Amino acid sequence: MIELDRFISEMTGSEVICISTGGETFAGQWIASIFGDYNASTRWTAEQIRQNPKLKNGFHFISMSQGSGIVRD
């Protein structure tokens, strides 16, 4: 997602924080999207957001694929 991160940052002038729920590699993300535990992924993502002080005053959430369900939870 590095290229998408960079593109969004350059277009908006905002900092972009990528929270990957399936690891850092494309293969890891792909495997997690098929076989991963959705509820565990949702909890993990929420915890990453809570722990990041840069997000405490609000943020925009852009998601890919199953991430759309996570943002609604």
C-alpha atoms as a PDB file:
ATOM      1  CA  MET A   1       0.000   0.000   0.000  1.00  0.00           C
ATOM      2  CA  ILE A   2       3.014   2.297   0.053  1.00  0.00           C
ATOM      3  CA  GLU A   3       2.241   3.724  -3.380  1.00  0.00           C
ATOM      4  CA  LEU A   4      -1.396   4.406  -2.462  1.00  0.00           C
ATOM      5  CA  ASP A   5      -0.269   5.978   0.822  1.00  0.00           C
ATOM      6  CA  ARG A   6       2.103   8.284  -1.022  1.00  0.00           C
ATOM      7  CA  PHE A   7      -0.505   9.201  -3.630  1.00  0.00           C
ATOM      8  CA  ILE A   8      -3.136  10.131  -1.026  1.00  0.00           C
ATOM      9  CA  SER A   9      -0.614  12.091   1.033  1.00  0.00           C
ATOM     10  CA  GLU A  10       0.582  14.059  -1.989  1.00  0.00           C
ATOM     11  CA  MET A  11      -2.967  14.771  -3.184  1.00  0.00           C
ATOM     12  CA  THR A  12      -4.323  15.875   0.205  1.00  0.00           C
ATOM     13  CA  GLY A  13      -1.250  17.237   1.957  1.00  0.00           C
ATOM     14  CA  SER A  14      -2.158  15.062   4.933  1.00  0.00           C
ATOM     15  CA  GLU A  15      -0.221  12.404   6.772  1.00  0.00           C
ATOM     16  CA  VAL A  16      -1.290   8.875   5.879  1.00  0.00           C
ATOM     17  CA  ILE A  17      -1.110   5.987   8.352  1.00  0.00           C
ATOM     18  CA  CYS A  18      -1.538   2.499   6.922  1.00  0.00           C
ATOM     19  CA  ILE A  19      -2.855  -0.175   9.258  1.00  0.00           C
ATOM     20  CA  SER A  20      -2.427  -3.521   7.567  1.00  0.00           C
ATOM     21  CA  THR A  21      -4.267  -6.377   9.235  1.00  0.00           C
ATOM     22  CA  GLY A  22      -2.546  -9.129   7.271  1.00  0.00           C
ATOM     23  CA  GLY A  23       1.125  -8.352   7.525  1.00  0.00           C
ATOM     24  CA  GLU A  24       3.460  -6.314   5.409  1.00  0.00           C
ATOM     25  CA  THR A  25       3.552  -8.469   2.285  1.00  0.00           C
ATOM     26  CA  PHE A  26       0.934  -8.773  -0.425  1.00  0.00           C
ATOM     27  CA  ALA A  27       0.818 -12.529   0.127  1.00  0.00           C
ATOM     28  CA  GLY A  28       0.262 -12.126   3.873  1.00  0.00           C
ATOM     29  CA  GLN A  29      -2.525  -9.628   3.315  1.00  0.00           C
ATOM     30  CA  TRP A  30      -4.159 -11.823   0.698  1.00  0.00           C
ATOM     31  CA  ILE A  31      -4.047 -14.919   2.916  1.00  0.00           C
ATOM     32  CA  ALA A  32      -5.393 -12.982   5.918  1.00  0.00           C
ATOM     33  CA  SER A  33      -8.258 -11.602   3.838  1.00  0.00           C
ATOM     34  CA  ILE A  34      -9.390 -15.136   2.991  1.00  0.00           C
ATOM     35  CA  PHE A  35      -8.527 -17.166   6.084  1.00  0.00           C
ATOM     36  CA  GLY A  36      -8.165 -14.544   8.819  1.00  0.00           C
ATOM     37  CA  ASP A  37     -10.538 -14.074  11.741  1.00  0.00           C
ATOM     38  CA  TYR A  38     -12.656 -11.027  10.900  1.00  0.00           C
ATOM     39  CA  ASN A  39     -13.534 -10.247  14.525  1.00  0.00           C
ATOM     40  CA  ALA A  40      -9.896 -10.458  15.620  1.00  0.00           C
ATOM     41  CA  SER A  41      -8.914  -8.200  12.741  1.00  0.00           C
ATOM     42  CA  THR A  42     -11.557  -5.659  13.750  1.00  0.00           C
ATOM     43  CA  ARG A  43     -10.383  -5.660  17.374  1.00  0.00           C
ATOM     44  CA  TRP A  44      -6.733  -5.361  16.344  1.00  0.00           C
ATOM     45  CA  THR A  45      -7.467  -2.434  14.008  1.00  0.00           C
ATOM     46  CA  ALA A  46      -9.483  -0.626  16.690  1.00  0.00           C
ATOM     47  CA  GLU A  47      -6.621  -1.062  19.156  1.00  0.00           C
ATOM     48  CA  GLN A  48      -4.100   0.318  16.658  1.00  0.00           C
ATOM     49  CA  ILE A  49      -6.279   3.397  16.213  1.00  0.00           C
ATOM     50  CA  ARG A  50      -6.755   3.880  19.968  1.00  0.00           C
ATOM     51  CA  GLN A  51      -3.011   3.648  20.618  1.00  0.00           C
ATOM     52  CA  ASN A  52      -1.996   6.189  17.976  1.00  0.00           C
ATOM     53  CA  PRO A  53      -1.911   9.702  19.485  1.00  0.00           C
ATOM     54  CA  LYS A  54      -2.005  11.251  16.005  1.00  0.00           C
ATOM     55  CA  LEU A  55      -5.568   9.940  15.587  1.00  0.00           C
ATOM     56  CA  LYS A  56      -7.004  11.120  18.907  1.00  0.00           C
ATOM     57  CA  ASN A  57      -8.658  14.247  17.456  1.00  0.00           C
ATOM     58  CA  GLY A  58     -10.325  12.451  14.549  1.00  0.00           C
ATOM     59  CA  PHE A  59      -9.343  10.989  11.212  1.00  0.00           C
ATOM     60  CA  HIS A  60     -10.624   9.852   7.835  1.00  0.00           C
ATOM     61  CA  PHE A  61     -10.720   6.107   7.241  1.00  0.00           C
ATOM     62  CA  ILE A  62     -10.100   4.733   3.746  1.00  0.00           C
ATOM     63  CA  SER A  63     -10.412   0.994   3.407  1.00  0.00           C
ATOM     64  CA  MET A  64      -9.827  -1.690   0.842  1.00  0.00           C
ATOM     65  CA  SER A  65     -11.974  -4.796   0.444  1.00  0.00           C
ATOM     66  CA  GLN A  66     -13.031  -6.211   3.834  1.00  0.00           C
ATOM     67  CA  GLY A  67     -11.789  -3.032   5.520  1.00  0.00           C
ATOM     68  CA  SER A  68     -15.133  -1.476   4.653  1.00  0.00           C
ATOM     69  CA  GLY A  69     -16.769  -3.818   7.139  1.00  0.00           C
ATOM     70  CA  ILE A  70     -14.190  -3.028   9.782  1.00  0.00           C
ATOM     71  CA  VAL A  71     -14.838   0.701   9.599  1.00  0.00           C
ATOM     72  CA  ARG A  72     -18.571   0.118  10.093  1.00  0.00           C
ATOM     73  CA  ASP A  73     -17.952  -2.009  13.191  1.00  0.00           C
END
